[in-house]
Amino acid sequence: MPEPEHKLDAYAHIGILGAGAWGSALAHVAVRAGRRVTLWSRKRPGEGIEPPSGAVATSDLDVAAETDAVLVVVPAQRMREVLAGLKPASGTPVVICAKGIEHATGMLMTEVLADVIPGAEPAVLSGPSFARDVIAGLPTAVTIAARVAVARRLQAGLGHAAFRPYASEDQLGVALGGAAKNVYAIACGIVIGMGLGDSARAALLARSFAELCRFARAEGARNDTLMGLSGFGDLVLTATSPASRNFSFGLALGSGRSLAELRAPGAPLAEGVETAPALIARAGRLDIELPVAHAVMDILAGGIAPTEAVPRLMARPFRME
């Protein structure tokens, strides 16, 4: 029988790297769970960092690393840079909380961690969770993938009445689902922006999930991971809500706004923009076809207009589902 959560040796002091919306939300989670929290940002305390009551802000990465578990919550394309400066103690879990694929290498964030800090104790946290809901204390469930003993301690360290972490050992599946869903969320936003209706969005969402499953299985991910919170759950949330940056990006693009405007400096970050070409390149190495993701990549590269992508997908040969 598993140990009751209140008897587990929870990580008592949580370091969080990144004081953006999701980093701040996870700081709220840890404080509500009764943990000590150190929240790191490049900015000095008082220069835009507003940690929850009970958290300590720092701009010193070494201070944030002197904790029992480190949650890394920085944009995917900055992950390598931040990890390069991190020196966790032996056995300290480094929990990847960003979703994406490194554009230059095609690596998932968990693979970047293994590349930069080979001796790190790896973990990944992902699932259907908007920062605003978490900060408001609304019920949320996520997946934490790590070695079982580590995942269980992270569950105990972060879980509370409004935040329920489920444990998994499938770090690959959790990381891949979190990265790929951003690309498909852009596609679903484009469909709604073009006024094609909810039926078209539902069909696209179903076919997108089929693509994700086909690719993830080829990579070695588990079916139950894909059907769970970090796969199906996260895809549904991200591809159906205007609160999703990726869905909103696609919505604006489908409504006629230009790529130049949407990608201008200061515009909201949509991780799926950088992930799309990296996802297609990674799938190509396994000879896996991803027609929906490929259409998104071509649109984002300026190769085709959204109005050209739909006929291209609809004209594909008929096949068994």
C-alpha atoms as a PDB file:
ATOM      1  CA  MET A   1       0.000   0.000   0.000  1.00  0.00           C
ATOM      2  CA  PRO A   2       1.336   3.508  -0.833  1.00  0.00           C
ATOM      3  CA  GLU A   3       2.160   5.743   2.067  1.00  0.00           C
ATOM      4  CA  PRO A   4      -0.552   8.311   2.933  1.00  0.00           C
ATOM      5  CA  GLU A   5       0.417  11.715   1.566  1.00  0.00           C
ATOM      6  CA  HIS A   6       0.697  13.291   4.998  1.00  0.00           C
ATOM      7  CA  LYS A   7       3.315  10.667   5.979  1.00  0.00           C
ATOM      8  CA  LEU A   8       5.532  11.156   2.936  1.00  0.00           C
ATOM      9  CA  ASP A   9       8.841  12.984   3.338  1.00  0.00           C
ATOM     10  CA  ALA A  10       7.794  16.065   1.395  1.00  0.00           C
ATOM     11  CA  TYR A  11      10.373  18.462   0.016  1.00  0.00           C
ATOM     12  CA  ALA A  12      10.188  21.299   2.522  1.00  0.00           C
ATOM     13  CA  HIS A  13      11.991  24.110   0.667  1.00  0.00           C
ATOM     14  CA  ILE A  14      11.084  24.740  -2.971  1.00  0.00           C
ATOM     15  CA  GLY A  15      13.188  26.880  -5.315  1.00  0.00           C
ATOM     16  CA  ILE A  16      11.412  28.320  -8.348  1.00  0.00           C
ATOM     17  CA  LEU A  17      13.386  29.716 -11.285  1.00  0.00           C
ATOM     18  CA  GLY A  18      11.298  32.241 -13.199  1.00  0.00           C
ATOM     19  CA  ALA A  19       8.884  34.792 -11.778  1.00  0.00           C
ATOM     20  CA  GLY A  20       6.527  35.027 -14.736  1.00  0.00           C
ATOM     21  CA  ALA A  21       2.875  34.049 -14.546  1.00  0.00           C
ATOM     22  CA  TRP A  22       3.410  30.289 -14.255  1.00  0.00           C
ATOM     23  CA  GLY A  23       6.397  30.622 -11.918  1.00  0.00           C
ATOM     24  CA  SER A  24       4.366  32.906  -9.662  1.00  0.00           C
ATOM     25  CA  ALA A  25       1.447  30.462  -9.789  1.00  0.00           C
ATOM     26  CA  LEU A  26       3.666  27.568  -8.701  1.00  0.00           C
ATOM     27  CA  ALA A  27       5.045  29.749  -5.915  1.00  0.00           C
ATOM     28  CA  HIS A  28       1.452  30.191  -4.697  1.00  0.00           C
ATOM     29  CA  VAL A  29       0.984  26.411  -4.904  1.00  0.00           C
ATOM     30  CA  ALA A  30       4.052  25.702  -2.793  1.00  0.00           C
ATOM     31  CA  VAL A  31       3.211  28.357  -0.187  1.00  0.00           C
ATOM     32  CA  ARG A  32      -0.344  27.021   0.145  1.00  0.00           C
ATOM     33  CA  ALA A  33       1.086  23.537   0.596  1.00  0.00           C
ATOM     34  CA  GLY A  34       3.038  24.864   3.584  1.00  0.00           C
ATOM     35  CA  ARG A  35       6.484  24.951   1.993  1.00  0.00           C
ATOM     36  CA  ARG A  36       9.282  27.484   2.192  1.00  0.00           C
ATOM     37  CA  VAL A  37       9.666  29.119  -1.221  1.00  0.00           C
ATOM     38  CA  THR A  38      12.553  30.956  -2.865  1.00  0.00           C
ATOM     39  CA  LEU A  39      11.558  32.612  -6.153  1.00  0.00           C
ATOM     40  CA  TRP A  40      14.355  33.535  -8.564  1.00  0.00           C
ATOM     41  CA  SER A  41      14.274  36.089 -11.358  1.00  0.00           C
ATOM     42  CA  ARG A  42      16.941  38.052 -13.204  1.00  0.00           C
ATOM     43  CA  LYS A  43      15.296  41.191 -11.886  1.00  0.00           C
ATOM     44  CA  ARG A  44      16.219  42.304  -8.418  1.00  0.00           C
ATOM     45  CA  PRO A  45      13.546  42.185  -5.716  1.00  0.00           C
ATOM     46  CA  GLY A  46      11.420  45.308  -6.023  1.00  0.00           C
ATOM     47  CA  GLU A  47      11.900  45.484  -9.817  1.00  0.00           C
ATOM     48  CA  GLY A  48       8.720  43.776 -10.891  1.00  0.00           C
ATOM     49  CA  ILE A  49       8.899  40.610  -8.755  1.00  0.00           C
ATOM     50  CA  GLU A  50       5.777  40.164  -6.660  1.00  0.00           C
ATOM     51  CA  PRO A  51       6.091  36.827  -4.880  1.00  0.00           C
ATOM     52  CA  PRO A  52       3.160  35.500  -2.878  1.00  0.00           C
ATOM     53  CA  SER A  53       3.165  36.239   0.802  1.00  0.00           C
ATOM     54  CA  GLY A  54       5.609  33.881   2.451  1.00  0.00           C
ATOM     55  CA  ALA A  55       7.942  33.512  -0.529  1.00  0.00           C
ATOM     56  CA  VAL A  56      11.418  35.057  -0.676  1.00  0.00           C
ATOM     57  CA  ALA A  57      12.520  36.757  -3.912  1.00  0.00           C
ATOM     58  CA  THR A  58      16.112  36.610  -5.118  1.00  0.00           C
ATOM     59  CA  SER A  59      18.151  37.432  -8.207  1.00  0.00           C
ATOM     60  CA  ASP A  60      20.958  35.069  -7.117  1.00  0.00           C
ATOM     61  CA  LEU A  61      20.704  31.693  -8.846  1.00  0.00           C
ATOM     62  CA  ASP A  62      22.941  30.038  -6.248  1.00  0.00           C
ATOM     63  CA  VAL A  63      20.507  31.029  -3.497  1.00  0.00           C
ATOM     64  CA  ALA A  64      17.588  29.475  -5.380  1.00  0.00           C
ATOM     65  CA  ALA A  65      19.610  26.280  -5.896  1.00  0.00           C
ATOM     66  CA  GLU A  66      20.147  25.876  -2.139  1.00  0.00           C
ATOM     67  CA  THR A  67      16.705  24.288  -1.782  1.00  0.00           C
ATOM     68  CA  ASP A  68      15.288  20.766  -1.551  1.00  0.00           C
ATOM     69  CA  ALA A  69      13.735  20.792  -5.041  1.00  0.00           C
ATOM     70  CA  VAL A  70      14.126  23.267  -7.913  1.00  0.00           C
ATOM     71  CA  LEU A  71      11.271  24.038 -10.321  1.00  0.00           C
ATOM     72  CA  VAL A  72      12.515  25.573 -13.580  1.00  0.00           C
ATOM     73  CA  VAL A  73       9.814  27.797 -15.053  1.00  0.00           C
ATOM     74  CA  VAL A  74      11.483  29.780 -17.838  1.00  0.00           C
ATOM     75  CA  PRO A  75      10.633  29.937 -21.579  1.00  0.00           C
ATOM     76  CA  ALA A  76      11.718  26.857 -23.502  1.00  0.00           C
ATOM     77  CA  GLN A  77      14.188  28.725 -25.709  1.00  0.00           C
ATOM     78  CA  ARG A  78      15.923  30.133 -22.604  1.00  0.00           C
ATOM     79  CA  MET A  79      16.033  26.828 -20.722  1.00  0.00           C
ATOM     80  CA  ARG A  80      19.602  25.875 -21.683  1.00  0.00           C
ATOM     81  CA  GLU A  81      20.976  29.288 -20.702  1.00  0.00           C
ATOM     82  CA  VAL A  82      19.372  29.185 -17.254  1.00  0.00           C
ATOM     83  CA  LEU A  83      20.289  25.566 -16.571  1.00  0.00           C
ATOM     84  CA  ALA A  84      23.915  26.318 -17.485  1.00  0.00           C
ATOM     85  CA  GLY A  85      24.136  28.573 -14.443  1.00  0.00           C
ATOM     86  CA  LEU A  86      22.375  26.181 -12.066  1.00  0.00           C
ATOM     87  CA  LYS A  87      24.416  24.102  -9.614  1.00  0.00           C
ATOM     88  CA  PRO A  88      21.986  21.879  -7.712  1.00  0.00           C
ATOM     89  CA  ALA A  89      23.218  19.708  -4.894  1.00  0.00           C
ATOM     90  CA  SER A  90      23.462  15.983  -5.579  1.00  0.00           C
ATOM     91  CA  GLY A  91      20.023  14.374  -5.362  1.00  0.00           C
ATOM     92  CA  THR A  92      18.110  17.652  -5.618  1.00  0.00           C
ATOM     93  CA  PRO A  93      15.283  17.205  -8.124  1.00  0.00           C
ATOM     94  CA  VAL A  94      15.327  19.640 -11.041  1.00  0.00           C
ATOM     95  CA  VAL A  95      11.713  19.847 -12.189  1.00  0.00           C
ATOM     96  CA  ILE A  96      11.122  21.087 -15.735  1.00  0.00           C
ATOM     97  CA  CYS A  97       7.935  23.178 -15.817  1.00  0.00           C
ATOM     98  CA  ALA A  98       8.286  24.636 -19.329  1.00  0.00           C
ATOM     99  CA  LYS A  99       6.688  23.158 -22.445  1.00  0.00           C
ATOM    100  CA  GLY A 100       8.503  23.179 -25.744  1.00  0.00           C
ATOM    101  CA  ILE A 101      11.245  21.828 -27.984  1.00  0.00           C
ATOM    102  CA  GLU A 102      14.582  23.592 -28.272  1.00  0.00           C
ATOM    103  CA  HIS A 103      14.628  25.139 -31.715  1.00  0.00           C
ATOM    104  CA  ALA A 104      18.370  24.768 -32.337  1.00  0.00           C
ATOM    105  CA  THR A 105      18.712  21.110 -31.299  1.00  0.00           C
ATOM    106  CA  GLY A 106      15.239  19.546 -31.466  1.00  0.00           C
ATOM    107  CA  MET A 107      15.581  18.468 -27.835  1.00  0.00           C
ATOM    108  CA  LEU A 108      12.714  18.264 -25.375  1.00  0.00           C
ATOM    109  CA  MET A 109      13.253  20.253 -22.196  1.00  0.00           C
ATOM    110  CA  THR A 110      14.014  17.072 -20.236  1.00  0.00           C
ATOM    111  CA  GLU A 111      16.692  16.235 -22.806  1.00  0.00           C
ATOM    112  CA  VAL A 112      18.168  19.723 -22.505  1.00  0.00           C
ATOM    113  CA  LEU A 113      18.410  19.154 -18.755  1.00  0.00           C
ATOM    114  CA  ALA A 114      20.205  15.830 -19.273  1.00  0.00           C
ATOM    115  CA  ASP A 115      22.569  17.506 -21.740  1.00  0.00           C
ATOM    116  CA  VAL A 116      23.435  20.497 -19.549  1.00  0.00           C
ATOM    117  CA  ILE A 117      23.404  18.853 -16.087  1.00  0.00           C
ATOM    118  CA  PRO A 118      24.018  15.138 -16.713  1.00  0.00           C
ATOM    119  CA  GLY A 119      23.995  14.248 -13.025  1.00  0.00           C
ATOM    120  CA  ALA A 120      20.733  16.014 -12.191  1.00  0.00           C
ATOM    121  CA  GLU A 121      17.758  14.210 -10.659  1.00  0.00           C
ATOM    122  CA  PRO A 122      15.235  14.910 -13.445  1.00  0.00           C
ATOM    123  CA  ALA A 123      11.504  15.524 -13.202  1.00  0.00           C
ATOM    124  CA  VAL A 124       8.852  17.250 -15.288  1.00  0.00           C
ATOM    125  CA  LEU A 125       5.566  18.896 -14.283  1.00  0.00           C
ATOM    126  CA  SER A 126       2.861  19.463 -16.882  1.00  0.00           C
ATOM    127  CA  GLY A 127      -0.889  19.393 -17.332  1.00  0.00           C
ATOM    128  CA  PRO A 128      -4.015  21.459 -18.039  1.00  0.00           C
ATOM    129  CA  SER A 129      -3.387  24.482 -15.849  1.00  0.00           C
ATOM    130  CA  PHE A 130      -3.724  28.207 -16.471  1.00  0.00           C
ATOM    131  CA  ALA A 131      -1.709  30.382 -14.120  1.00  0.00           C
ATOM    132  CA  ARG A 132      -4.693  32.617 -13.358  1.00  0.00           C
ATOM    133  CA  ASP A 133      -6.767  29.616 -12.197  1.00  0.00           C
ATOM    134  CA  VAL A 134      -3.973  28.310 -10.010  1.00  0.00           C
ATOM    135  CA  ILE A 135      -3.326  31.710  -8.418  1.00  0.00           C
ATOM    136  CA  ALA A 136      -7.065  32.076  -7.755  1.00  0.00           C
ATOM    137  CA  GLY A 137      -7.046  28.757  -5.928  1.00  0.00           C
ATOM    138  CA  LEU A 138      -9.362  27.028  -8.399  1.00  0.00           C
ATOM    139  CA  PRO A 139      -9.160  23.208  -8.600  1.00  0.00           C
ATOM    140  CA  THR A 140      -6.307  22.032 -10.832  1.00  0.00           C
ATOM    141  CA  ALA A 141      -4.697  18.670 -11.572  1.00  0.00           C
ATOM    142  CA  VAL A 142      -1.300  18.072 -13.192  1.00  0.00           C
ATOM    143  CA  THR A 143       1.185  15.253 -13.794  1.00  0.00           C
ATOM    144  CA  ILE A 144       4.613  15.027 -12.195  1.00  0.00           C
ATOM    145  CA  ALA A 145       6.923  12.533 -13.907  1.00  0.00           C
ATOM    146  CA  ALA A 146      10.101  11.352 -12.187  1.00  0.00           C
ATOM    147  CA  ARG A 147      11.499   8.326 -10.424  1.00  0.00           C
ATOM    148  CA  VAL A 148       8.653   7.024  -8.262  1.00  0.00           C
ATOM    149  CA  ALA A 149      10.216   8.024  -4.950  1.00  0.00           C
ATOM    150  CA  VAL A 150      10.940  11.534  -6.235  1.00  0.00           C
ATOM    151  CA  ALA A 151       7.510  11.951  -7.828  1.00  0.00           C
ATOM    152  CA  ARG A 152       5.809  10.913  -4.584  1.00  0.00           C
ATOM    153  CA  ARG A 153       7.812  13.427  -2.542  1.00  0.00           C
ATOM    154  CA  LEU A 154       7.006  16.168  -5.056  1.00  0.00           C
ATOM    155  CA  GLN A 155       3.330  15.220  -4.839  1.00  0.00           C
ATOM    156  CA  ALA A 156       3.473  15.622  -1.084  1.00  0.00           C
ATOM    157  CA  GLY A 157       5.455  18.841  -1.353  1.00  0.00           C
ATOM    158  CA  LEU A 158       3.120  20.616  -3.796  1.00  0.00           C
ATOM    159  CA  GLY A 159      -0.254  18.962  -3.426  1.00  0.00           C
ATOM    160  CA  HIS A 160      -3.078  20.552  -1.469  1.00  0.00           C
ATOM    161  CA  ALA A 161      -6.871  20.821  -1.607  1.00  0.00           C
ATOM    162  CA  ALA A 162      -6.945  22.838  -4.863  1.00  0.00           C
ATOM    163  CA  PHE A 163      -3.852  21.432  -6.591  1.00  0.00           C
ATOM    164  CA  ARG A 164      -3.728  17.700  -7.232  1.00  0.00           C
ATOM    165  CA  PRO A 165      -0.545  16.248  -8.771  1.00  0.00           C
ATOM    166  CA  TYR A 166      -0.644  12.739 -10.241  1.00  0.00           C
ATOM    167  CA  ALA A 167       2.600  10.755 -10.397  1.00  0.00           C
ATOM    168  CA  SER A 168       4.132   9.148 -13.481  1.00  0.00           C
ATOM    169  CA  GLU A 169       7.462   7.678 -14.535  1.00  0.00           C
ATOM    170  CA  ASP A 170       7.012   8.633 -18.213  1.00  0.00           C
ATOM    171  CA  GLN A 171       9.079  11.802 -18.465  1.00  0.00           C
ATOM    172  CA  LEU A 172       9.296  11.517 -22.248  1.00  0.00           C
ATOM    173  CA  GLY A 173       5.529  11.307 -22.727  1.00  0.00           C
ATOM    174  CA  VAL A 174       4.796  14.159 -20.329  1.00  0.00           C
ATOM    175  CA  ALA A 175       7.402  16.444 -21.926  1.00  0.00           C
ATOM    176  CA  LEU A 176       6.364  15.582 -25.477  1.00  0.00           C
ATOM    177  CA  GLY A 177       2.643  16.063 -24.854  1.00  0.00           C
ATOM    178  CA  GLY A 178       3.245  19.451 -23.253  1.00  0.00           C
ATOM    179  CA  ALA A 179       5.360  20.610 -26.195  1.00  0.00           C
ATOM    180  CA  ALA A 180       3.275  19.335 -29.113  1.00  0.00           C
ATOM    181  CA  LYS A 181      -0.099  20.543 -27.849  1.00  0.00           C
ATOM    182  CA  ASN A 182       0.970  24.170 -28.326  1.00  0.00           C
ATOM    183  CA  VAL A 183       1.316  23.621 -32.073  1.00  0.00           C
ATOM    184  CA  TYR A 184      -2.142  22.068 -32.314  1.00  0.00           C
ATOM    185  CA  ALA A 185      -3.628  24.851 -30.204  1.00  0.00           C
ATOM    186  CA  ILE A 186      -2.432  27.352 -32.818  1.00  0.00           C
ATOM    187  CA  ALA A 187      -4.172  25.261 -35.496  1.00  0.00           C
ATOM    188  CA  CYS A 188      -7.441  25.230 -33.565  1.00  0.00           C
ATOM    189  CA  GLY A 189      -7.237  28.984 -33.019  1.00  0.00           C
ATOM    190  CA  ILE A 190      -6.761  29.533 -36.756  1.00  0.00           C
ATOM    191  CA  VAL A 191      -9.892  27.487 -37.502  1.00  0.00           C
ATOM    192  CA  ILE A 192     -12.021  29.552 -35.121  1.00  0.00           C
ATOM    193  CA  GLY A 193     -10.442  32.815 -36.312  1.00  0.00           C
ATOM    194  CA  MET A 194     -11.401  31.920 -39.873  1.00  0.00           C
ATOM    195  CA  GLY A 195     -14.993  31.377 -38.782  1.00  0.00           C
ATOM    196  CA  LEU A 196     -15.040  27.685 -39.739  1.00  0.00           C
ATOM    197  CA  GLY A 197     -17.096  26.709 -36.701  1.00  0.00           C
ATOM    198  CA  ASP A 198     -16.940  24.430 -33.690  1.00  0.00           C
ATOM    199  CA  SER A 199     -17.528  21.266 -35.732  1.00  0.00           C
ATOM    200  CA  ALA A 200     -14.378  21.950 -37.747  1.00  0.00           C
ATOM    201  CA  ARG A 201     -12.451  22.733 -34.564  1.00  0.00           C
ATOM    202  CA  ALA A 202     -13.623  19.462 -32.964  1.00  0.00           C
ATOM    203  CA  ALA A 203     -12.578  17.446 -36.017  1.00  0.00           C
ATOM    204  CA  LEU A 204      -9.197  19.166 -36.106  1.00  0.00           C
ATOM    205  CA  LEU A 205      -8.709  18.604 -32.388  1.00  0.00           C
ATOM    206  CA  ALA A 206      -9.443  14.885 -32.770  1.00  0.00           C
ATOM    207  CA  ARG A 207      -7.074  14.507 -35.708  1.00  0.00           C
ATOM    208  CA  SER A 208      -4.430  16.541 -33.891  1.00  0.00           C
ATOM    209  CA  PHE A 209      -4.641  14.189 -30.928  1.00  0.00           C
ATOM    210  CA  ALA A 210      -4.316  11.194 -33.270  1.00  0.00           C
ATOM    211  CA  GLU A 211      -1.149  12.784 -34.693  1.00  0.00           C
ATOM    212  CA  LEU A 212       0.248  13.429 -31.241  1.00  0.00           C
ATOM    213  CA  CYS A 213      -0.424   9.843 -30.143  1.00  0.00           C
ATOM    214  CA  ARG A 214       1.103   8.347 -33.286  1.00  0.00           C
ATOM    215  CA  PHE A 215       4.260  10.396 -32.918  1.00  0.00           C
ATOM    216  CA  ALA A 216       4.583   9.989 -29.147  1.00  0.00           C
ATOM    217  CA  ARG A 217       4.223   6.214 -29.356  1.00  0.00           C
ATOM    218  CA  ALA A 218       6.966   6.119 -32.003  1.00  0.00           C
ATOM    219  CA  GLU A 219       9.161   8.083 -29.586  1.00  0.00           C
ATOM    220  CA  GLY A 220       8.482   5.553 -26.839  1.00  0.00           C
ATOM    221  CA  ALA A 221       5.830   7.344 -24.762  1.00  0.00           C
ATOM    222  CA  ARG A 222       3.130   5.389 -22.959  1.00  0.00           C
ATOM    223  CA  ASN A 223      -0.505   5.291 -24.055  1.00  0.00           C
ATOM    224  CA  ASP A 224      -1.799   6.087 -20.572  1.00  0.00           C
ATOM    225  CA  THR A 225       0.359   9.218 -20.486  1.00  0.00           C
ATOM    226  CA  LEU A 226      -1.108  10.430 -23.777  1.00  0.00           C
ATOM    227  CA  MET A 227      -4.655   9.823 -22.551  1.00  0.00           C
ATOM    228  CA  GLY A 228      -3.950  11.573 -19.271  1.00  0.00           C
ATOM    229  CA  LEU A 229      -3.621  15.097 -17.951  1.00  0.00           C
ATOM    230  CA  SER A 230      -0.365  15.990 -19.705  1.00  0.00           C
ATOM    231  CA  GLY A 231      -1.580  14.670 -23.072  1.00  0.00           C
ATOM    232  CA  PHE A 232      -5.289  14.794 -23.853  1.00  0.00           C
ATOM    233  CA  GLY A 233      -6.137  17.025 -20.890  1.00  0.00           C
ATOM    234  CA  ASP A 234      -3.601  19.719 -21.694  1.00  0.00           C
ATOM    235  CA  LEU A 235      -4.421  19.631 -25.417  1.00  0.00           C
ATOM    236  CA  VAL A 236      -8.144  20.167 -24.809  1.00  0.00           C
ATOM    237  CA  LEU A 237      -7.559  23.121 -22.485  1.00  0.00           C
ATOM    238  CA  THR A 238      -4.951  24.819 -24.656  1.00  0.00           C
ATOM    239  CA  ALA A 239      -6.837  24.313 -27.927  1.00  0.00           C
ATOM    240  CA  THR A 240     -10.234  25.573 -26.747  1.00  0.00           C
ATOM    241  CA  SER A 241      -9.679  28.615 -24.529  1.00  0.00           C
ATOM    242  CA  PRO A 242      -8.896  32.229 -25.493  1.00  0.00           C
ATOM    243  CA  ALA A 243      -6.861  32.342 -22.275  1.00  0.00           C
ATOM    244  CA  SER A 244      -4.300  30.134 -24.032  1.00  0.00           C
ATOM    245  CA  ARG A 245      -1.550  32.204 -25.648  1.00  0.00           C
ATOM    246  CA  ASN A 246      -1.164  29.642 -28.425  1.00  0.00           C
ATOM    247  CA  PHE A 247      -4.876  29.436 -29.199  1.00  0.00           C
ATOM    248  CA  SER A 248      -5.103  33.242 -29.093  1.00  0.00           C
ATOM    249  CA  PHE A 249      -2.142  33.520 -31.477  1.00  0.00           C
ATOM    250  CA  GLY A 250      -3.890  31.222 -33.948  1.00  0.00           C
ATOM    251  CA  LEU A 251      -7.180  33.036 -33.445  1.00  0.00           C
ATOM    252  CA  ALA A 252      -5.583  36.366 -34.330  1.00  0.00           C
ATOM    253  CA  LEU A 253      -3.795  34.840 -37.312  1.00  0.00           C
ATOM    254  CA  GLY A 254      -6.992  33.257 -38.624  1.00  0.00           C
ATOM    255  CA  SER A 255      -8.803  36.558 -38.158  1.00  0.00           C
ATOM    256  CA  GLY A 256      -6.414  38.265 -40.558  1.00  0.00           C
ATOM    257  CA  ARG A 257      -3.679  39.754 -38.390  1.00  0.00           C
ATOM    258  CA  SER A 258      -0.195  39.492 -39.868  1.00  0.00           C
ATOM    259  CA  LEU A 259       2.637  37.300 -38.666  1.00  0.00           C
ATOM    260  CA  ALA A 260       4.870  40.362 -38.404  1.00  0.00           C
ATOM    261  CA  GLU A 261       2.445  42.036 -36.019  1.00  0.00           C
ATOM    262  CA  LEU A 262       1.916  38.924 -33.902  1.00  0.00           C
ATOM    263  CA  ARG A 263       5.647  38.235 -33.599  1.00  0.00           C
ATOM    264  CA  ALA A 264       6.741  41.821 -32.992  1.00  0.00           C
ATOM    265  CA  PRO A 265       8.937  42.548 -29.936  1.00  0.00           C
ATOM    266  CA  GLY A 266       6.805  42.715 -26.819  1.00  0.00           C
ATOM    267  CA  ALA A 267       4.011  40.545 -28.250  1.00  0.00           C
ATOM    268  CA  PRO A 268       2.806  37.688 -26.002  1.00  0.00           C
ATOM    269  CA  LEU A 269       4.980  34.581 -26.249  1.00  0.00           C
ATOM    270  CA  ALA A 270       3.384  31.597 -28.006  1.00  0.00           C
ATOM    271  CA  GLU A 271       5.742  28.645 -27.517  1.00  0.00           C
ATOM    272  CA  GLY A 272       4.097  26.725 -30.375  1.00  0.00           C
ATOM    273  CA  VAL A 273       5.622  29.118 -32.916  1.00  0.00           C
ATOM    274  CA  GLU A 274       9.151  27.916 -32.147  1.00  0.00           C
ATOM    275  CA  THR A 275       8.031  24.363 -31.434  1.00  0.00           C
ATOM    276  CA  ALA A 276       6.340  23.714 -34.810  1.00  0.00           C
ATOM    277  CA  PRO A 277       9.466  23.420 -37.017  1.00  0.00           C
ATOM    278  CA  ALA A 278      11.355  21.548 -34.288  1.00  0.00           C
ATOM    279  CA  LEU A 279       8.447  19.109 -33.931  1.00  0.00           C
ATOM    280  CA  ILE A 280       8.320  18.438 -37.672  1.00  0.00           C
ATOM    281  CA  ALA A 281      12.092  17.934 -37.838  1.00  0.00           C
ATOM    282  CA  ARG A 282      11.964  15.511 -34.922  1.00  0.00           C
ATOM    283  CA  ALA A 283       9.071  13.563 -36.467  1.00  0.00           C
ATOM    284  CA  GLY A 284      10.908  13.430 -39.783  1.00  0.00           C
ATOM    285  CA  ARG A 285      13.810  11.594 -38.181  1.00  0.00           C
ATOM    286  CA  LEU A 286      11.340   8.822 -37.295  1.00  0.00           C
ATOM    287  CA  ASP A 287       9.559   9.021 -40.661  1.00  0.00           C
ATOM    288  CA  ILE A 288       6.322  10.041 -38.924  1.00  0.00           C
ATOM    289  CA  GLU A 289       3.903  12.216 -40.892  1.00  0.00           C
ATOM    290  CA  LEU A 290       2.192  15.075 -39.019  1.00  0.00           C
ATOM    291  CA  PRO A 291      -0.055  16.813 -41.575  1.00  0.00           C
ATOM    292  CA  VAL A 292      -1.761  19.214 -39.139  1.00  0.00           C
ATOM    293  CA  ALA A 293       1.485  20.267 -37.470  1.00  0.00           C
ATOM    294  CA  HIS A 294       3.144  20.553 -40.878  1.00  0.00           C
ATOM    295  CA  ALA A 295       0.405  22.903 -42.077  1.00  0.00           C
ATOM    296  CA  VAL A 296       0.906  25.063 -38.983  1.00  0.00           C
ATOM    297  CA  MET A 297       4.654  25.180 -39.623  1.00  0.00           C
ATOM    298  CA  ASP A 298       4.102  26.247 -43.246  1.00  0.00           C
ATOM    299  CA  ILE A 299       1.678  28.972 -42.202  1.00  0.00           C
ATOM    300  CA  LEU A 300       4.104  30.301 -39.573  1.00  0.00           C
ATOM    301  CA  ALA A 301       6.935  30.274 -42.117  1.00  0.00           C
ATOM    302  CA  GLY A 302       4.834  32.330 -44.514  1.00  0.00           C
ATOM    303  CA  GLY A 303       4.785  29.504 -47.060  1.00  0.00           C
ATOM    304  CA  ILE A 304       1.001  29.262 -47.236  1.00  0.00           C
ATOM    305  CA  ALA A 305      -1.949  31.338 -46.059  1.00  0.00           C
ATOM    306  CA  PRO A 306      -4.416  29.882 -43.529  1.00  0.00           C
ATOM    307  CA  THR A 307      -7.016  29.789 -46.318  1.00  0.00           C
ATOM    308  CA  GLU A 308      -4.728  27.443 -48.279  1.00  0.00           C
ATOM    309  CA  ALA A 309      -4.073  25.083 -45.380  1.00  0.00           C
ATOM    310  CA  VAL A 310      -7.665  23.937 -44.929  1.00  0.00           C
ATOM    311  CA  PRO A 311      -8.187  22.721 -48.518  1.00  0.00           C
ATOM    312  CA  ARG A 312      -4.800  20.985 -48.323  1.00  0.00           C
ATOM    313  CA  LEU A 313      -5.845  19.031 -45.251  1.00  0.00           C
ATOM    314  CA  MET A 314      -9.350  18.307 -46.548  1.00  0.00           C
ATOM    315  CA  ALA A 315      -7.959  16.966 -49.838  1.00  0.00           C
ATOM    316  CA  ARG A 316      -5.818  14.287 -48.178  1.00  0.00           C
ATOM    317  CA  PRO A 317      -6.631  10.695 -49.260  1.00  0.00           C
ATOM    318  CA  PHE A 318      -9.493   8.968 -47.478  1.00  0.00           C
ATOM    319  CA  ARG A 319      -8.343   6.417 -44.894  1.00  0.00           C
ATOM    320  CA  MET A 320      -9.508   4.252 -42.010  1.00  0.00           C
ATOM    321  CA  GLU A 321      -9.612   6.076 -38.694  1.00  0.00           C
END
